[in-house]
Amino acid sequence: MKEIIVQGYQYSELDDDAKHNVKCWLEENMFSDNFFKIDMDEKDIIEHCNSNNYLFSIWGEPIHYLEKKEVLI
């Protein structure tokens, strides 16, 4: 087995272009009822991403699902 280390960033750590990519991802995948477009400002997006433990690549691509989870038996 090979282990690969990937750097993950919180939304607030990204540059403007990467934040734009995150917003597009949220619009396409998370908010089909236009809630995102109407009611969420920058603070709300930060809170939403933090509360859901979303991590992103330096380009704003979601990578939180790559995080290794340890299960205790």
C-alpha atoms as a PDB file:
ATOM      1  CA  MET A   1       0.000   0.000   0.000  1.00  0.00           C
ATOM      2  CA  LYS A   2       1.196   3.478  -0.804  1.00  0.00           C
ATOM      3  CA  GLU A   3       0.300   6.506   1.258  1.00  0.00           C
ATOM      4  CA  ILE A   4      -0.154   9.845  -0.470  1.00  0.00           C
ATOM      5  CA  ILE A   5      -0.163  13.090   1.444  1.00  0.00           C
ATOM      6  CA  VAL A   6      -2.451  15.784   0.073  1.00  0.00           C
ATOM      7  CA  GLN A   7      -2.657  19.319   1.382  1.00  0.00           C
ATOM      8  CA  GLY A   8      -6.181  20.448   2.146  1.00  0.00           C
ATOM      9  CA  TYR A   9      -7.300  24.023   2.668  1.00  0.00           C
ATOM     10  CA  GLN A  10     -10.293  25.550   4.349  1.00  0.00           C
ATOM     11  CA  TYR A  11     -12.380  27.895   2.219  1.00  0.00           C
ATOM     12  CA  SER A  12     -11.042  30.963   4.056  1.00  0.00           C
ATOM     13  CA  GLU A  13      -7.449  30.034   3.133  1.00  0.00           C
ATOM     14  CA  LEU A  14      -8.057  30.055  -0.626  1.00  0.00           C
ATOM     15  CA  ASP A  15      -7.394  32.838  -3.127  1.00  0.00           C
ATOM     16  CA  ASP A  16     -10.245  34.509  -5.028  1.00  0.00           C
ATOM     17  CA  ASP A  17     -10.067  32.194  -8.069  1.00  0.00           C
ATOM     18  CA  ALA A  18     -10.202  29.082  -5.888  1.00  0.00           C
ATOM     19  CA  LYS A  19     -13.080  30.545  -3.849  1.00  0.00           C
ATOM     20  CA  HIS A  20     -14.958  31.084  -7.097  1.00  0.00           C
ATOM     21  CA  ASN A  21     -14.486  27.380  -7.925  1.00  0.00           C
ATOM     22  CA  VAL A  22     -15.838  26.433  -4.491  1.00  0.00           C
ATOM     23  CA  LYS A  23     -18.883  28.644  -5.005  1.00  0.00           C
ATOM     24  CA  CYS A  24     -19.547  27.002  -8.369  1.00  0.00           C
ATOM     25  CA  TRP A  25     -19.251  23.556  -6.765  1.00  0.00           C
ATOM     26  CA  LEU A  26     -21.669  24.549  -4.011  1.00  0.00           C
ATOM     27  CA  GLU A  27     -24.163  25.920  -6.529  1.00  0.00           C
ATOM     28  CA  GLU A  28     -23.992  22.827  -8.722  1.00  0.00           C
ATOM     29  CA  ASN A  29     -23.996  20.170  -6.049  1.00  0.00           C
ATOM     30  CA  MET A  30     -25.398  21.481  -2.819  1.00  0.00           C
ATOM     31  CA  PHE A  31     -28.076  24.088  -3.387  1.00  0.00           C
ATOM     32  CA  SER A  32     -30.552  23.167  -6.072  1.00  0.00           C
ATOM     33  CA  ASP A  33     -33.211  25.524  -4.686  1.00  0.00           C
ATOM     34  CA  ASN A  34     -31.134  28.691  -5.337  1.00  0.00           C
ATOM     35  CA  PHE A  35     -30.719  29.234  -1.575  1.00  0.00           C
ATOM     36  CA  PHE A  36     -26.975  29.651  -2.113  1.00  0.00           C
ATOM     37  CA  LYS A  37     -27.290  32.333  -4.781  1.00  0.00           C
ATOM     38  CA  ILE A  38     -29.774  34.426  -2.834  1.00  0.00           C
ATOM     39  CA  ASP A  39     -28.970  34.152   0.858  1.00  0.00           C
ATOM     40  CA  MET A  40     -25.321  33.178   1.432  1.00  0.00           C
ATOM     41  CA  ASP A  41     -22.627  35.803   1.822  1.00  0.00           C
ATOM     42  CA  GLU A  42     -18.910  35.168   2.385  1.00  0.00           C
ATOM     43  CA  LYS A  43     -19.364  34.647   6.136  1.00  0.00           C
ATOM     44  CA  ASP A  44     -22.163  32.126   5.541  1.00  0.00           C
ATOM     45  CA  ILE A  45     -20.042  30.190   3.035  1.00  0.00           C
ATOM     46  CA  ILE A  46     -17.136  30.007   5.502  1.00  0.00           C
ATOM     47  CA  GLU A  47     -19.464  28.810   8.252  1.00  0.00           C
ATOM     48  CA  HIS A  48     -21.121  26.239   5.980  1.00  0.00           C
ATOM     49  CA  CYS A  49     -17.795  24.827   4.772  1.00  0.00           C
ATOM     50  CA  ASN A  50     -16.325  24.715   8.287  1.00  0.00           C
ATOM     51  CA  SER A  51     -19.392  23.088   9.836  1.00  0.00           C
ATOM     52  CA  ASN A  52     -19.326  20.372   7.162  1.00  0.00           C
ATOM     53  CA  ASN A  53     -15.544  19.894   7.408  1.00  0.00           C
ATOM     54  CA  TYR A  54     -15.081  20.618   3.716  1.00  0.00           C
ATOM     55  CA  LEU A  55     -11.485  20.738   2.532  1.00  0.00           C
ATOM     56  CA  PHE A  56     -10.321  21.935  -0.858  1.00  0.00           C
ATOM     57  CA  SER A  57      -7.273  21.737  -3.085  1.00  0.00           C
ATOM     58  CA  ILE A  58      -5.316  24.902  -3.765  1.00  0.00           C
ATOM     59  CA  TRP A  59      -7.536  25.303  -6.865  1.00  0.00           C
ATOM     60  CA  GLY A  60     -10.800  25.045  -4.914  1.00  0.00           C
ATOM     61  CA  GLU A  61     -11.654  21.462  -5.807  1.00  0.00           C
ATOM     62  CA  PRO A  62     -13.376  19.523  -3.004  1.00  0.00           C
ATOM     63  CA  ILE A  63     -11.082  16.922  -1.442  1.00  0.00           C
ATOM     64  CA  HIS A  64     -12.641  16.378   1.998  1.00  0.00           C
ATOM     65  CA  TYR A  65     -13.740  12.899   0.953  1.00  0.00           C
ATOM     66  CA  LEU A  66     -10.064  11.872   0.644  1.00  0.00           C
ATOM     67  CA  GLU A  67      -9.434  12.261   4.357  1.00  0.00           C
ATOM     68  CA  LYS A  68      -8.429   9.002   5.995  1.00  0.00           C
ATOM     69  CA  LYS A  69     -10.818   7.941   8.738  1.00  0.00           C
ATOM     70  CA  GLU A  70      -9.661   5.582  11.447  1.00  0.00           C
ATOM     71  CA  VAL A  71     -12.260   3.208  12.797  1.00  0.00           C
ATOM     72  CA  LEU A  72     -11.888   1.739  16.266  1.00  0.00           C
ATOM     73  CA  ILE A  73     -13.202  -1.779  16.689  1.00  0.00           C
END
